Amino acid sequence: VANILKEKGLNFDRNYGLCFGGGMFIIRRGH
């Protein structure tokens, strides 16, 4: 994302947010 926005000359805050996402079966279930 940072690279695409930099190419366009757009302002990007690199302090991204993050959480687990639930996957199929038992991977991070409930998130």
ModelCIF file with pLDDT and N, C-alpha, C, O atoms, coordinates in Angstrom:
data_MODEL
#
_entry.id   MODEL 
#
_entity.id                         1 
_entity.type                       polymer 
_entity.pdbx_number_of_molecules   1 
#
_entity_poly.entity_id                      1 
_entity_poly.type                           'polypeptide(L)' 
_entity_poly.nstd_linkage                   no 
_entity_poly.nstd_monomer                   no 
_entity_poly.pdbx_seq_one_letter_code       VANILKEKGLNFDRNYGLCFGGGMFIIRRGH 
_entity_poly.pdbx_seq_one_letter_code_can   VANILKEKGLNFDRNYGLCFGGGMFIIRRGH 
_entity_poly.pdbx_strand_id                 A 
#
loop_
_entity_poly_seq.entity_id 
_entity_poly_seq.num 
_entity_poly_seq.mon_id 
_entity_poly_seq.hetero 
1 1  VAL n 
1 2  ALA n 
1 3  ASN n 
1 4  ILE n 
1 5  LEU n 
1 6  LYS n 
1 7  GLU n 
1 8  LYS n 
1 9  GLY n 
1 10 LEU n 
1 11 ASN n 
1 12 PHE n 
1 13 ASP n 
1 14 ARG n 
1 15 ASN n 
1 16 TYR n 
1 17 GLY n 
1 18 LEU n 
1 19 CYS n 
1 20 PHE n 
1 21 GLY n 
1 22 GLY n 
1 23 GLY n 
1 24 MET n 
1 25 PHE n 
1 26 ILE n 
1 27 ILE n 
1 28 ARG n 
1 29 ARG n 
1 30 GLY n 
1 31 HIS n 
#
_struct_asym.id          A 
_struct_asym.entity_id   1 
#
loop_
_ma_qa_metric.id 
_ma_qa_metric.mode 
_ma_qa_metric.name 
_ma_qa_metric.software_group_id 
_ma_qa_metric.type 
1 global pLDDT . pLDDT 
2 local  pLDDT . pLDDT 
#
_ma_qa_metric_global.metric_id      1 
_ma_qa_metric_global.metric_value   81.90 
_ma_qa_metric_global.model_id       1 
_ma_qa_metric_global.ordinal_id     1 
#
loop_
_ma_qa_metric_local.label_asym_id 
_ma_qa_metric_local.label_comp_id 
_ma_qa_metric_local.label_seq_id 
_ma_qa_metric_local.metric_id 
_ma_qa_metric_local.metric_value 
_ma_qa_metric_local.model_id 
_ma_qa_metric_local.ordinal_id 
A VAL 1  2 98.00 1 1  
A ALA 2  2 98.00 1 2  
A ASN 3  2 98.00 1 3  
A ILE 4  2 97.00 1 4  
A LEU 5  2 98.00 1 5  
A LYS 6  2 97.00 1 6  
A GLU 7  2 96.00 1 7  
A LYS 8  2 96.00 1 8  
A GLY 9  2 96.00 1 9  
A LEU 10 2 97.00 1 10 
A ASN 11 2 97.00 1 11 
A PHE 12 2 98.00 1 12 
A ASP 13 2 97.00 1 13 
A ARG 14 2 95.00 1 14 
A ASN 15 2 95.00 1 15 
A TYR 16 2 96.00 1 16 
A GLY 17 2 95.00 1 17 
A LEU 18 2 93.00 1 18 
A CYS 19 2 90.00 1 19 
A PHE 20 2 76.00 1 20 
A GLY 21 2 70.00 1 21 
A GLY 22 2 63.00 1 22 
A GLY 23 2 56.00 1 23 
A MET 24 2 48.00 1 24 
A PHE 25 2 49.00 1 25 
A ILE 26 2 51.00 1 26 
A ILE 27 2 56.00 1 27 
A ARG 28 2 58.00 1 28 
A ARG 29 2 62.00 1 29 
A GLY 30 2 58.00 1 30 
A HIS 31 2 65.00 1 31 
#
loop_
_atom_site.group_PDB 
_atom_site.id 
_atom_site.type_symbol 
_atom_site.label_atom_id 
_atom_site.label_alt_id 
_atom_site.label_comp_id 
_atom_site.label_asym_id 
_atom_site.label_entity_id 
_atom_site.label_seq_id 
_atom_site.pdbx_PDB_ins_code 
_atom_site.Cartn_x 
_atom_site.Cartn_y 
_atom_site.Cartn_z 
_atom_site.occupancy 
_atom_site.B_iso_or_equiv 
_atom_site.pdbx_formal_charge 
_atom_site.auth_seq_id 
_atom_site.auth_comp_id 
_atom_site.auth_asym_id 
_atom_site.auth_atom_id 
_atom_site.pdbx_PDB_model_num 
ATOM 1   N N  . VAL A 1 1  ? 0.836   -1.199  0.000  1.00 98.00 ? 1  VAL A N  1 
ATOM 2   C CA . VAL A 1 1  ? 0.000   0.000   0.000  1.00 98.00 ? 1  VAL A CA 1 
ATOM 3   C C  . VAL A 1 1  ? 0.876   1.258   0.000  1.00 98.00 ? 1  VAL A C  1 
ATOM 4   O O  . VAL A 1 1  ? 0.636   2.189   -0.768 1.00 98.00 ? 1  VAL A O  1 
ATOM 5   N N  . ALA A 1 2  ? 1.889   1.274   0.863  1.00 98.00 ? 2  ALA A N  1 
ATOM 6   C CA . ALA A 1 2  ? 2.780   2.433   0.958  1.00 98.00 ? 2  ALA A CA 1 
ATOM 7   C C  . ALA A 1 2  ? 3.413   2.746   -0.399 1.00 98.00 ? 2  ALA A C  1 
ATOM 8   O O  . ALA A 1 2  ? 3.497   3.912   -0.785 1.00 98.00 ? 2  ALA A O  1 
ATOM 9   N N  . ASN A 1 3  ? 3.850   1.737   -1.112 1.00 98.00 ? 3  ASN A N  1 
ATOM 10  C CA . ASN A 1 3  ? 4.496   1.936   -2.409 1.00 98.00 ? 3  ASN A CA 1 
ATOM 11  C C  . ASN A 1 3  ? 3.541   2.506   -3.455 1.00 98.00 ? 3  ASN A C  1 
ATOM 12  O O  . ASN A 1 3  ? 3.910   3.396   -4.221 1.00 98.00 ? 3  ASN A O  1 
ATOM 13  N N  . ILE A 1 4  ? 2.325   1.993   -3.483 1.00 97.00 ? 4  ILE A N  1 
ATOM 14  C CA . ILE A 1 4  ? 1.344   2.497   -4.457 1.00 97.00 ? 4  ILE A CA 1 
ATOM 15  C C  . ILE A 1 4  ? 1.045   3.969   -4.176 1.00 97.00 ? 4  ILE A C  1 
ATOM 16  O O  . ILE A 1 4  ? 1.048   4.795   -5.089 1.00 97.00 ? 4  ILE A O  1 
ATOM 17  N N  . LEU A 1 5  ? 0.790   4.288   -2.913 1.00 98.00 ? 5  LEU A N  1 
ATOM 18  C CA . LEU A 1 5  ? 0.439   5.662   -2.559 1.00 98.00 ? 5  LEU A CA 1 
ATOM 19  C C  . LEU A 1 5  ? 1.621   6.617   -2.763 1.00 98.00 ? 5  LEU A C  1 
ATOM 20  O O  . LEU A 1 5  ? 1.435   7.768   -3.159 1.00 98.00 ? 5  LEU A O  1 
ATOM 21  N N  . LYS A 1 6  ? 2.823   6.133   -2.492 1.00 97.00 ? 6  LYS A N  1 
ATOM 22  C CA . LYS A 1 6  ? 4.013   6.959   -2.718 1.00 97.00 ? 6  LYS A CA 1 
ATOM 23  C C  . LYS A 1 6  ? 4.153   7.299   -4.199 1.00 97.00 ? 6  LYS A C  1 
ATOM 24  O O  . LYS A 1 6  ? 4.447   8.440   -4.554 1.00 97.00 ? 6  LYS A O  1 
ATOM 25  N N  . GLU A 1 7  ? 3.938   6.295   -5.068 1.00 96.00 ? 7  GLU A N  1 
ATOM 26  C CA . GLU A 1 7  ? 3.995   6.515   -6.517 1.00 96.00 ? 7  GLU A CA 1 
ATOM 27  C C  . GLU A 1 7  ? 3.034   7.613   -6.952 1.00 96.00 ? 7  GLU A C  1 
ATOM 28  O O  . GLU A 1 7  ? 3.318   8.370   -7.881 1.00 96.00 ? 7  GLU A O  1 
ATOM 29  N N  . LYS A 1 8  ? 1.897   7.692   -6.275 1.00 96.00 ? 8  LYS A N  1 
ATOM 30  C CA . LYS A 1 8  ? 0.873   8.674   -6.615 1.00 96.00 ? 8  LYS A CA 1 
ATOM 31  C C  . LYS A 1 8  ? 1.090   10.009  -5.907 1.00 96.00 ? 8  LYS A C  1 
ATOM 32  O O  . LYS A 1 8  ? 0.376   10.975  -6.174 1.00 96.00 ? 8  LYS A O  1 
ATOM 33  N N  . GLY A 1 9  ? 2.073   10.069  -5.006 1.00 96.00 ? 9  GLY A N  1 
ATOM 34  C CA . GLY A 1 9  ? 2.320   11.298  -4.262 1.00 96.00 ? 9  GLY A CA 1 
ATOM 35  C C  . GLY A 1 9  ? 1.276   11.578  -3.199 1.00 96.00 ? 9  GLY A C  1 
ATOM 36  O O  . GLY A 1 9  ? 1.000   12.736  -2.882 1.00 96.00 ? 9  GLY A O  1 
ATOM 37  N N  . LEU A 1 10 ? 0.693   10.520  -2.646 1.00 97.00 ? 10 LEU A N  1 
ATOM 38  C CA . LEU A 1 10 ? -0.349  10.663  -1.626 1.00 97.00 ? 10 LEU A CA 1 
ATOM 39  C C  . LEU A 1 10 ? 0.216   10.398  -0.237 1.00 97.00 ? 10 LEU A C  1 
ATOM 40  O O  . LEU A 1 10 ? 1.169   9.635   -0.075 1.00 97.00 ? 10 LEU A O  1 
ATOM 41  N N  . ASN A 1 11 ? -0.385  11.040  0.766  1.00 97.00 ? 11 ASN A N  1 
ATOM 42  C CA . ASN A 1 11 ? 0.060   10.921  2.159  1.00 97.00 ? 11 ASN A CA 1 
ATOM 43  C C  . ASN A 1 11 ? -0.405  9.608   2.772  1.00 97.00 ? 11 ASN A C  1 
ATOM 44  O O  . ASN A 1 11 ? -1.588  9.275   2.713  1.00 97.00 ? 11 ASN A O  1 
ATOM 45  N N  . PHE A 1 12 ? 0.523   8.868   3.356  1.00 98.00 ? 12 PHE A N  1 
ATOM 46  C CA . PHE A 1 12 ? 0.195   7.582   3.984  1.00 98.00 ? 12 PHE A CA 1 
ATOM 47  C C  . PHE A 1 12 ? 0.817   7.509   5.363  1.00 98.00 ? 12 PHE A C  1 
ATOM 48  O O  . PHE A 1 12 ? 2.006   7.774   5.538  1.00 98.00 ? 12 PHE A O  1 
ATOM 49  N N  . ASP A 1 13 ? -0.001  7.146   6.340  1.00 97.00 ? 13 ASP A N  1 
ATOM 50  C CA . ASP A 1 13 ? 0.451   6.940   7.709  1.00 97.00 ? 13 ASP A CA 1 
ATOM 51  C C  . ASP A 1 13 ? 0.795   5.459   7.859  1.00 97.00 ? 13 ASP A C  1 
ATOM 52  O O  . ASP A 1 13 ? -0.084  4.601   7.776  1.00 97.00 ? 13 ASP A O  1 
ATOM 53  N N  . ARG A 1 14 ? 2.058   5.169   8.076  1.00 95.00 ? 14 ARG A N  1 
ATOM 54  C CA . ARG A 1 14 ? 2.526   3.778   8.148  1.00 95.00 ? 14 ARG A CA 1 
ATOM 55  C C  . ARG A 1 14 ? 2.153   3.077   9.456  1.00 95.00 ? 14 ARG A C  1 
ATOM 56  O O  . ARG A 1 14 ? 2.430   1.888   9.610  1.00 95.00 ? 14 ARG A O  1 
ATOM 57  N N  . ASN A 1 15 ? 1.538   3.778   10.387 1.00 95.00 ? 15 ASN A N  1 
ATOM 58  C CA . ASN A 1 15 ? 1.107   3.191   11.660 1.00 95.00 ? 15 ASN A CA 1 
ATOM 59  C C  . ASN A 1 15 ? -0.218  2.457   11.437 1.00 95.00 ? 15 ASN A C  1 
ATOM 60  O O  . ASN A 1 15 ? -1.284  2.939   11.819 1.00 95.00 ? 15 ASN A O  1 
ATOM 61  N N  . TYR A 1 16 ? -0.127  1.308   10.825 1.00 96.00 ? 16 TYR A N  1 
ATOM 62  C CA . TYR A 1 16 ? -1.345  0.581   10.462 1.00 96.00 ? 16 TYR A CA 1 
ATOM 63  C C  . TYR A 1 16 ? -1.960  -0.153  11.657 1.00 96.00 ? 16 TYR A C  1 
ATOM 64  O O  . TYR A 1 16 ? -1.270  -0.517  12.609 1.00 96.00 ? 16 TYR A O  1 
ATOM 65  N N  . GLY A 1 17 ? -3.279  -0.357  11.575 1.00 95.00 ? 17 GLY A N  1 
ATOM 66  C CA . GLY A 1 17 ? -4.000  -1.133  12.575 1.00 95.00 ? 17 GLY A CA 1 
ATOM 67  C C  . GLY A 1 17 ? -4.072  -2.581  12.134 1.00 95.00 ? 17 GLY A C  1 
ATOM 68  O O  . GLY A 1 17 ? -3.956  -2.889  10.948 1.00 95.00 ? 17 GLY A O  1 
ATOM 69  N N  . LEU A 1 18 ? -4.263  -3.469  13.100 1.00 93.00 ? 18 LEU A N  1 
ATOM 70  C CA . LEU A 1 18 ? -4.190  -4.898  12.804 1.00 93.00 ? 18 LEU A CA 1 
ATOM 71  C C  . LEU A 1 18 ? -4.976  -5.704  13.820 1.00 93.00 ? 18 LEU A C  1 
ATOM 72  O O  . LEU A 1 18 ? -4.919  -5.428  15.018 1.00 93.00 ? 18 LEU A O  1 
ATOM 73  N N  . CYS A 1 19 ? -5.704  -6.692  13.348 1.00 90.00 ? 19 CYS A N  1 
ATOM 74  C CA . CYS A 1 19 ? -6.300  -7.678  14.255 1.00 90.00 ? 19 CYS A CA 1 
ATOM 75  C C  . CYS A 1 19 ? -6.347  -9.022  13.530 1.00 90.00 ? 19 CYS A C  1 
ATOM 76  O O  . CYS A 1 19 ? -6.230  -9.094  12.306 1.00 90.00 ? 19 CYS A O  1 
ATOM 77  N N  . PHE A 1 20 ? -6.518  -10.062 14.303 1.00 76.00 ? 20 PHE A N  1 
ATOM 78  C CA . PHE A 1 20 ? -6.657  -11.384 13.712 1.00 76.00 ? 20 PHE A CA 1 
ATOM 79  C C  . PHE A 1 20 ? -8.004  -11.491 13.024 1.00 76.00 ? 20 PHE A C  1 
ATOM 80  O O  . PHE A 1 20 ? -8.997  -10.913 13.466 1.00 76.00 ? 20 PHE A O  1 
ATOM 81  N N  . GLY A 1 21 ? -8.016  -12.234 11.944 1.00 70.00 ? 21 GLY A N  1 
ATOM 82  C CA . GLY A 1 21 ? -9.251  -12.556 11.265 1.00 70.00 ? 21 GLY A CA 1 
ATOM 83  C C  . GLY A 1 21 ? -9.475  -14.052 11.404 1.00 70.00 ? 21 GLY A C  1 
ATOM 84  O O  . GLY A 1 21 ? -8.525  -14.835 11.379 1.00 70.00 ? 21 GLY A O  1 
ATOM 85  N N  . GLY A 1 22 ? -10.712 -14.439 11.546 1.00 63.00 ? 22 GLY A N  1 
ATOM 86  C CA . GLY A 1 22 ? -11.031 -15.855 11.689 1.00 63.00 ? 22 GLY A CA 1 
ATOM 87  C C  . GLY A 1 22 ? -10.993 -16.551 10.353 1.00 63.00 ? 22 GLY A C  1 
ATOM 88  O O  . GLY A 1 22 ? -11.493 -16.028 9.357  1.00 63.00 ? 22 GLY A O  1 
ATOM 89  N N  . GLY A 1 23 ? -10.412 -17.711 10.328 1.00 56.00 ? 23 GLY A N  1 
ATOM 90  C CA . GLY A 1 23 ? -10.332 -18.478 9.095  1.00 56.00 ? 23 GLY A CA 1 
ATOM 91  C C  . GLY A 1 23 ? -11.200 -19.709 9.181  1.00 56.00 ? 23 GLY A C  1 
ATOM 92  O O  . GLY A 1 23 ? -11.994 -19.875 10.107 1.00 56.00 ? 23 GLY A O  1 
ATOM 93  N N  . MET A 1 24 ? -11.036 -20.548 8.219  1.00 48.00 ? 24 MET A N  1 
ATOM 94  C CA . MET A 1 24 ? -11.782 -21.796 8.194  1.00 48.00 ? 24 MET A CA 1 
ATOM 95  C C  . MET A 1 24 ? -11.184 -22.755 9.218  1.00 48.00 ? 24 MET A C  1 
ATOM 96  O O  . MET A 1 24 ? -10.013 -22.639 9.582  1.00 48.00 ? 24 MET A O  1 
ATOM 97  N N  . PHE A 1 25 ? -11.965 -23.664 9.658  1.00 49.00 ? 25 PHE A N  1 
ATOM 98  C CA . PHE A 1 25 ? -11.563 -24.688 10.605 1.00 49.00 ? 25 PHE A CA 1 
ATOM 99  C C  . PHE A 1 25 ? -11.152 -24.046 11.932 1.00 49.00 ? 25 PHE A C  1 
ATOM 100 O O  . PHE A 1 25 ? -11.981 -23.383 12.557 1.00 49.00 ? 25 PHE A O  1 
ATOM 101 N N  . ILE A 1 26 ? -9.929  -24.212 12.379 1.00 51.00 ? 26 ILE A N  1 
ATOM 102 C CA . ILE A 1 26 ? -9.564  -23.711 13.708 1.00 51.00 ? 26 ILE A CA 1 
ATOM 103 C C  . ILE A 1 26 ? -8.646  -22.490 13.672 1.00 51.00 ? 26 ILE A C  1 
ATOM 104 O O  . ILE A 1 26 ? -8.264  -21.987 14.729 1.00 51.00 ? 26 ILE A O  1 
ATOM 105 N N  . ILE A 1 27 ? -8.285  -22.005 12.493 1.00 56.00 ? 27 ILE A N  1 
ATOM 106 C CA . ILE A 1 27 ? -7.366  -20.867 12.398 1.00 56.00 ? 27 ILE A CA 1 
ATOM 107 C C  . ILE A 1 27 ? -8.057  -19.607 12.912 1.00 56.00 ? 27 ILE A C  1 
ATOM 108 O O  . ILE A 1 27 ? -8.986  -19.100 12.284 1.00 56.00 ? 27 ILE A O  1 
ATOM 109 N N  . ARG A 1 28 ? -7.597  -19.109 14.055 1.00 58.00 ? 28 ARG A N  1 
ATOM 110 C CA . ARG A 1 28 ? -8.086  -17.846 14.642 1.00 58.00 ? 28 ARG A CA 1 
ATOM 111 C C  . ARG A 1 28 ? -9.602  -17.803 14.743 1.00 58.00 ? 28 ARG A C  1 
ATOM 112 O O  . ARG A 1 28 ? -10.213 -16.754 14.543 1.00 58.00 ? 28 ARG A O  1 
ATOM 113 N N  . ARG A 1 29 ? -10.194 -18.916 15.045 1.00 62.00 ? 29 ARG A N  1 
ATOM 114 C CA . ARG A 1 29 ? -11.643 -18.994 15.145 1.00 62.00 ? 29 ARG A CA 1 
ATOM 115 C C  . ARG A 1 29 ? -12.153 -17.988 16.177 1.00 62.00 ? 29 ARG A C  1 
ATOM 116 O O  . ARG A 1 29 ? -11.556 -17.828 17.241 1.00 62.00 ? 29 ARG A O  1 
ATOM 117 N N  . GLY A 1 30 ? -13.243 -17.324 15.864 1.00 58.00 ? 30 GLY A N  1 
ATOM 118 C CA . GLY A 1 30 ? -13.845 -16.366 16.781 1.00 58.00 ? 30 GLY A CA 1 
ATOM 119 C C  . GLY A 1 30 ? -13.313 -14.943 16.632 1.00 58.00 ? 30 GLY A C  1 
ATOM 120 O O  . GLY A 1 30 ? -13.732 -14.043 17.360 1.00 58.00 ? 30 GLY A O  1 
ATOM 121 N N  . HIS A 1 31 ? -12.404 -14.740 15.705 1.00 65.00 ? 31 HIS A N  1 
ATOM 122 C CA . HIS A 1 31 ? -11.889 -13.390 15.454 1.00 65.00 ? 31 HIS A CA 1 
ATOM 123 C C  . HIS A 1 31 ? -12.449 -12.889 14.123 1.00 65.00 ? 31 HIS A C  1 
ATOM 124 O O  . HIS A 1 31 ? -12.147 -11.770 13.708 1.00 65.00 ? 31 HIS A O  1 
#
